Amino acid sequence: MSVGELGCTYAALLLFDDGIPITAEKIATVVKAANISVESYWPSLFAKLFEKRDIEDLILTVGTGGGPAVAVAAAPVGGGGGGGAAPAAEEKKEEMKEDSDEDLGLSLFD
């Protein structure tokens, strides 16, 4: 990520946090006040992005890959009739119980 992208990102977050509408002019003003030099197209690109997408939605879905992709990734893999997902979940729960700290002799109250 370039300095210009990062500067515009922080400017947009600052504007969002203060409840100020995110526009290209306001992003450019914040970046200029922070004494960061950015290419002239970055503020307008960020402003166009936040016209189409809600910044809070972007913050809350970081790393999830978006809406539809998550549903596809969560779909069970395999050709069975839907019975394969439940046993796998039960096996993971059993593994979690087996790997607890108590088995290792680690406890807060030793």
N, C-alpha and C. Protein backbone atom coordinates (compact mmCIF):
# COMPACT_ATOMS: atom_id res chain seq x y z
N MET A 1 0.86 -1.16 0.00
CA MET A 1 0.00 0.00 0.00
C MET A 1 0.91 1.23 0.00
N SER A 2 0.59 2.16 -0.89
CA SER A 2 1.40 3.36 -1.00
C SER A 2 1.05 4.36 0.11
N VAL A 3 1.88 5.34 0.26
CA VAL A 3 1.65 6.39 1.26
C VAL A 3 0.36 7.13 0.95
N GLY A 4 0.09 7.36 -0.33
CA GLY A 4 -1.14 8.04 -0.74
C GLY A 4 -2.38 7.26 -0.36
N GLU A 5 -2.36 5.95 -0.62
CA GLU A 5 -3.49 5.11 -0.25
C GLU A 5 -3.70 5.10 1.26
N LEU A 6 -2.63 4.94 1.98
CA LEU A 6 -2.71 4.90 3.44
C LEU A 6 -3.20 6.23 4.01
N GLY A 7 -2.69 7.33 3.47
CA GLY A 7 -3.12 8.64 3.92
C GLY A 7 -4.61 8.87 3.68
N CYS A 8 -5.08 8.46 2.50
CA CYS A 8 -6.51 8.61 2.18
C CYS A 8 -7.37 7.68 3.03
N THR A 9 -6.85 6.51 3.33
CA THR A 9 -7.58 5.58 4.19
C THR A 9 -7.78 6.18 5.57
N TYR A 10 -6.69 6.68 6.14
CA TYR A 10 -6.79 7.29 7.47
C TYR A 10 -7.67 8.53 7.46
N ALA A 11 -7.58 9.31 6.39
CA ALA A 11 -8.42 10.51 6.29
C ALA A 11 -9.89 10.12 6.25
N ALA A 12 -10.22 9.09 5.47
CA ALA A 12 -11.61 8.64 5.38
C ALA A 12 -12.10 8.11 6.73
N LEU A 13 -11.25 7.38 7.42
CA LEU A 13 -11.62 6.88 8.75
C LEU A 13 -11.83 8.02 9.74
N LEU A 14 -10.99 9.03 9.65
CA LEU A 14 -11.12 10.19 10.52
C LEU A 14 -12.43 10.92 10.25
N LEU A 15 -12.74 11.12 8.98
CA LEU A 15 -13.99 11.79 8.63
C LEU A 15 -15.20 10.96 9.08
N PHE A 16 -15.14 9.66 8.87
CA PHE A 16 -16.23 8.77 9.29
C PHE A 16 -16.42 8.83 10.80
N ASP A 17 -15.32 8.80 11.53
CA ASP A 17 -15.40 8.82 12.99
C ASP A 17 -16.01 10.11 13.52
N ASP A 18 -15.79 11.20 12.81
CA ASP A 18 -16.35 12.49 13.23
C ASP A 18 -17.74 12.73 12.66
N GLY A 19 -18.25 11.80 11.86
CA GLY A 19 -19.58 11.94 11.28
C GLY A 19 -19.65 12.93 10.15
N ILE A 20 -18.53 13.21 9.52
CA ILE A 20 -18.46 14.15 8.41
C ILE A 20 -18.58 13.36 7.11
N PRO A 21 -19.39 13.84 6.16
CA PRO A 21 -19.51 13.13 4.87
C PRO A 21 -18.15 13.01 4.19
N ILE A 22 -17.89 11.84 3.63
CA ILE A 22 -16.60 11.57 3.00
C ILE A 22 -16.66 11.99 1.54
N THR A 23 -15.97 13.08 1.24
CA THR A 23 -15.89 13.58 -0.13
C THR A 23 -14.42 13.71 -0.52
N ALA A 24 -14.19 13.84 -1.81
CA ALA A 24 -12.81 13.96 -2.29
C ALA A 24 -12.15 15.22 -1.74
N GLU A 25 -12.91 16.31 -1.67
CA GLU A 25 -12.35 17.56 -1.17
C GLU A 25 -11.96 17.45 0.31
N LYS A 26 -12.80 16.80 1.08
CA LYS A 26 -12.51 16.68 2.51
C LYS A 26 -11.34 15.73 2.76
N ILE A 27 -11.27 14.65 1.98
CA ILE A 27 -10.12 13.75 2.11
C ILE A 27 -8.84 14.49 1.75
N ALA A 28 -8.87 15.25 0.66
CA ALA A 28 -7.70 16.02 0.24
C ALA A 28 -7.30 17.05 1.30
N THR A 29 -8.29 17.67 1.93
CA THR A 29 -8.01 18.66 2.97
C THR A 29 -7.33 18.03 4.17
N VAL A 30 -7.83 16.86 4.60
CA VAL A 30 -7.24 16.18 5.76
C VAL A 30 -5.83 15.72 5.44
N VAL A 31 -5.63 15.17 4.24
CA VAL A 31 -4.31 14.70 3.85
C VAL A 31 -3.33 15.87 3.76
N LYS A 32 -3.79 16.99 3.23
CA LYS A 32 -2.93 18.17 3.13
C LYS A 32 -2.58 18.70 4.51
N ALA A 33 -3.56 18.70 5.42
CA ALA A 33 -3.31 19.17 6.79
C ALA A 33 -2.32 18.27 7.52
N ALA A 34 -2.29 17.00 7.14
CA ALA A 34 -1.34 16.06 7.75
C ALA A 34 0.02 16.11 7.07
N ASN A 35 0.15 17.00 6.07
CA ASN A 35 1.39 17.18 5.34
C ASN A 35 1.84 15.90 4.64
N ILE A 36 0.88 15.21 4.03
CA ILE A 36 1.15 14.01 3.26
C ILE A 36 0.88 14.33 1.80
N SER A 37 1.86 14.04 0.95
CA SER A 37 1.65 14.29 -0.48
C SER A 37 1.09 13.03 -1.12
N VAL A 38 -0.03 13.19 -1.81
CA VAL A 38 -0.68 12.06 -2.48
C VAL A 38 -0.93 12.43 -3.93
N GLU A 39 -1.07 11.42 -4.75
CA GLU A 39 -1.44 11.66 -6.14
C GLU A 39 -2.84 12.25 -6.15
N SER A 40 -3.12 13.09 -7.12
CA SER A 40 -4.38 13.82 -7.14
C SER A 40 -5.61 12.92 -7.33
N TYR A 41 -5.43 11.72 -7.83
CA TYR A 41 -6.57 10.84 -8.08
C TYR A 41 -7.00 10.03 -6.86
N TRP A 42 -6.14 9.88 -5.84
CA TRP A 42 -6.49 9.05 -4.68
C TRP A 42 -7.72 9.56 -3.92
N PRO A 43 -7.81 10.84 -3.57
CA PRO A 43 -9.00 11.27 -2.83
C PRO A 43 -10.30 11.02 -3.58
N SER A 44 -10.31 11.24 -4.89
CA SER A 44 -11.54 11.02 -5.64
C SER A 44 -11.88 9.53 -5.73
N LEU A 45 -10.88 8.67 -5.84
CA LEU A 45 -11.15 7.23 -5.86
C LEU A 45 -11.74 6.76 -4.53
N PHE A 46 -11.19 7.25 -3.45
CA PHE A 46 -11.71 6.86 -2.14
C PHE A 46 -13.12 7.40 -1.93
N ALA A 47 -13.35 8.63 -2.38
CA ALA A 47 -14.69 9.21 -2.23
C ALA A 47 -15.71 8.41 -3.03
N LYS A 48 -15.36 8.00 -4.24
CA LYS A 48 -16.27 7.19 -5.06
C LYS A 48 -16.54 5.84 -4.41
N LEU A 49 -15.52 5.26 -3.80
CA LEU A 49 -15.70 3.99 -3.10
C LEU A 49 -16.72 4.13 -1.97
N PHE A 50 -16.59 5.19 -1.19
CA PHE A 50 -17.46 5.34 -0.04
C PHE A 50 -18.84 5.88 -0.40
N GLU A 51 -19.02 6.30 -1.65
CA GLU A 51 -20.37 6.60 -2.13
C GLU A 51 -21.14 5.29 -2.35
N LYS A 52 -20.42 4.26 -2.78
CA LYS A 52 -21.05 2.98 -3.11
C LYS A 52 -21.08 2.00 -1.96
N ARG A 53 -20.08 2.06 -1.10
CA ARG A 53 -19.99 1.11 0.01
C ARG A 53 -19.94 1.87 1.32
N ASP A 54 -20.60 1.33 2.32
CA ASP A 54 -20.60 1.93 3.64
C ASP A 54 -19.27 1.60 4.32
N ILE A 55 -18.61 2.60 4.86
CA ILE A 55 -17.31 2.39 5.49
C ILE A 55 -17.43 1.47 6.71
N GLU A 56 -18.52 1.57 7.44
CA GLU A 56 -18.71 0.69 8.60
C GLU A 56 -18.82 -0.76 8.15
N ASP A 57 -19.48 -1.00 7.04
CA ASP A 57 -19.60 -2.35 6.49
C ASP A 57 -18.22 -2.88 6.10
N LEU A 58 -17.40 -2.04 5.51
CA LEU A 58 -16.05 -2.45 5.13
C LEU A 58 -15.20 -2.77 6.35
N ILE A 59 -15.36 -1.99 7.40
CA ILE A 59 -14.58 -2.22 8.62
C ILE A 59 -14.99 -3.54 9.27
N LEU A 60 -16.28 -3.79 9.31
CA LEU A 60 -16.77 -4.99 9.99
C LEU A 60 -16.54 -6.27 9.20
N THR A 61 -16.32 -6.18 7.90
CA THR A 61 -16.13 -7.38 7.10
C THR A 61 -14.70 -7.56 6.63
N VAL A 62 -13.75 -6.96 7.30
CA VAL A 62 -12.35 -7.12 6.95
C VAL A 62 -11.95 -8.57 7.13
N GLY A 63 -11.37 -9.16 6.12
CA GLY A 63 -10.90 -10.52 6.21
C GLY A 63 -11.95 -11.59 5.99
N THR A 64 -13.20 -11.22 5.83
CA THR A 64 -14.21 -12.24 5.61
C THR A 64 -14.41 -12.54 4.15
N GLY A 65 -13.92 -11.70 3.28
CA GLY A 65 -14.03 -11.96 1.87
C GLY A 65 -15.35 -11.53 1.26
N GLY A 66 -16.18 -10.83 2.00
CA GLY A 66 -17.44 -10.36 1.45
C GLY A 66 -18.59 -11.28 1.77
N GLY A 67 -19.77 -10.92 1.32
CA GLY A 67 -20.98 -11.65 1.66
C GLY A 67 -21.14 -12.99 0.96
N PRO A 68 -21.32 -13.04 -0.37
CA PRO A 68 -21.61 -14.29 -1.04
C PRO A 68 -20.48 -15.31 -0.93
N ALA A 69 -19.24 -14.86 -0.93
CA ALA A 69 -18.12 -15.81 -0.85
C ALA A 69 -18.10 -16.54 0.47
N VAL A 70 -18.52 -15.89 1.53
CA VAL A 70 -18.55 -16.52 2.84
C VAL A 70 -19.54 -17.67 2.85
N ALA A 71 -20.70 -17.46 2.24
CA ALA A 71 -21.71 -18.50 2.19
C ALA A 71 -21.20 -19.69 1.39
N VAL A 72 -20.47 -19.45 0.33
CA VAL A 72 -19.93 -20.54 -0.48
C VAL A 72 -18.87 -21.28 0.30
N ALA A 73 -18.01 -20.55 1.01
CA ALA A 73 -16.95 -21.19 1.78
C ALA A 73 -17.50 -22.00 2.94
N ALA A 74 -18.64 -21.60 3.47
CA ALA A 74 -19.21 -22.31 4.61
C ALA A 74 -20.02 -23.53 4.19
N ALA A 75 -20.27 -23.68 2.89
CA ALA A 75 -21.04 -24.83 2.42
C ALA A 75 -20.25 -26.10 2.65
N PRO A 76 -20.91 -27.19 3.04
CA PRO A 76 -20.19 -28.43 3.29
C PRO A 76 -19.59 -28.99 2.00
N VAL A 77 -18.40 -29.56 2.13
CA VAL A 77 -17.72 -30.14 0.99
C VAL A 77 -18.00 -31.64 1.01
N GLY A 78 -18.30 -32.19 -0.12
CA GLY A 78 -18.56 -33.63 -0.19
C GLY A 78 -19.83 -33.90 -0.95
N GLY A 79 -20.00 -35.13 -1.39
CA GLY A 79 -21.15 -35.48 -2.20
C GLY A 79 -22.29 -36.07 -1.41
N GLY A 80 -22.19 -36.11 -0.11
CA GLY A 80 -23.23 -36.73 0.71
C GLY A 80 -24.49 -35.91 0.74
N GLY A 81 -25.52 -36.45 1.33
CA GLY A 81 -26.81 -35.80 1.39
C GLY A 81 -26.95 -34.86 2.55
N GLY A 82 -25.89 -34.22 2.99
CA GLY A 82 -25.98 -33.25 4.07
C GLY A 82 -25.63 -33.84 5.42
N GLY A 83 -25.30 -35.11 5.49
CA GLY A 83 -24.99 -35.72 6.77
C GLY A 83 -23.54 -35.61 7.15
N GLY A 84 -22.69 -35.07 6.27
CA GLY A 84 -21.26 -35.03 6.54
C GLY A 84 -20.82 -33.89 7.42
N ALA A 85 -21.58 -32.83 7.53
CA ALA A 85 -21.13 -31.65 8.26
C ALA A 85 -21.25 -31.84 9.77
N ALA A 86 -22.29 -32.46 10.26
CA ALA A 86 -22.50 -32.60 11.70
C ALA A 86 -21.45 -33.49 12.36
N PRO A 87 -21.09 -34.65 11.81
CA PRO A 87 -20.06 -35.45 12.47
C PRO A 87 -18.71 -34.74 12.51
N ALA A 88 -18.39 -33.98 11.48
CA ALA A 88 -17.11 -33.26 11.47
C ALA A 88 -17.09 -32.23 12.59
N ALA A 89 -18.20 -31.56 12.83
CA ALA A 89 -18.26 -30.56 13.89
C ALA A 89 -18.13 -31.23 15.25
N GLU A 90 -18.75 -32.39 15.42
CA GLU A 90 -18.64 -33.11 16.69
C GLU A 90 -17.22 -33.57 16.94
N GLU A 91 -16.52 -34.01 15.88
CA GLU A 91 -15.14 -34.45 16.02
C GLU A 91 -14.25 -33.30 16.46
N LYS A 92 -14.47 -32.10 15.90
CA LYS A 92 -13.67 -30.95 16.29
C LYS A 92 -13.90 -30.58 17.74
N LYS A 93 -15.15 -30.69 18.22
CA LYS A 93 -15.44 -30.39 19.61
C LYS A 93 -14.72 -31.36 20.53
N GLU A 94 -14.71 -32.64 20.14
CA GLU A 94 -14.02 -33.64 20.95
C GLU A 94 -12.52 -33.37 20.97
N GLU A 95 -11.95 -32.98 19.81
CA GLU A 95 -10.53 -32.67 19.76
C GLU A 95 -10.21 -31.48 20.65
N MET A 96 -11.07 -30.48 20.66
CA MET A 96 -10.86 -29.30 21.49
C MET A 96 -10.84 -29.69 22.97
N LYS A 97 -11.73 -30.58 23.37
CA LYS A 97 -11.77 -31.02 24.76
C LYS A 97 -10.51 -31.77 25.12
N GLU A 98 -10.01 -32.58 24.20
CA GLU A 98 -8.81 -33.37 24.46
C GLU A 98 -7.58 -32.49 24.61
N ASP A 99 -7.53 -31.37 23.92
CA ASP A 99 -6.36 -30.50 23.92
C ASP A 99 -6.45 -29.37 24.94
N SER A 100 -7.21 -29.54 25.99
CA SER A 100 -7.36 -28.46 26.96
C SER A 100 -6.09 -28.28 27.78
N ASP A 101 -5.98 -27.14 28.44
CA ASP A 101 -4.81 -26.82 29.26
C ASP A 101 -4.71 -27.73 30.48
N GLU A 102 -5.83 -28.24 30.95
CA GLU A 102 -5.80 -29.10 32.12
C GLU A 102 -5.01 -30.38 31.85
N ASP A 103 -5.08 -30.88 30.62
CA ASP A 103 -4.35 -32.08 30.27
C ASP A 103 -2.84 -31.84 30.30
N LEU A 104 -2.43 -30.62 30.08
CA LEU A 104 -1.01 -30.29 30.06
C LEU A 104 -0.47 -29.93 31.43
N GLY A 105 -1.35 -29.89 32.42
CA GLY A 105 -0.92 -29.53 33.76
C GLY A 105 -0.79 -28.03 33.95
N LEU A 106 -1.37 -27.25 33.04
CA LEU A 106 -1.29 -25.81 33.15
C LEU A 106 -2.61 -25.31 33.72
N SER A 107 -2.54 -24.58 34.80
CA SER A 107 -3.74 -24.04 35.41
C SER A 107 -3.38 -22.74 36.11
N LEU A 108 -4.34 -21.86 36.23
CA LEU A 108 -4.10 -20.60 36.93
C LEU A 108 -3.93 -20.80 38.42
N PHE A 109 -4.50 -21.86 38.94
CA PHE A 109 -4.55 -22.03 40.38
C PHE A 109 -3.70 -23.21 40.86
N ASP A 110 -2.56 -23.44 40.21
CA ASP A 110 -1.66 -24.53 40.65
C ASP A 110 -0.89 -24.11 41.86
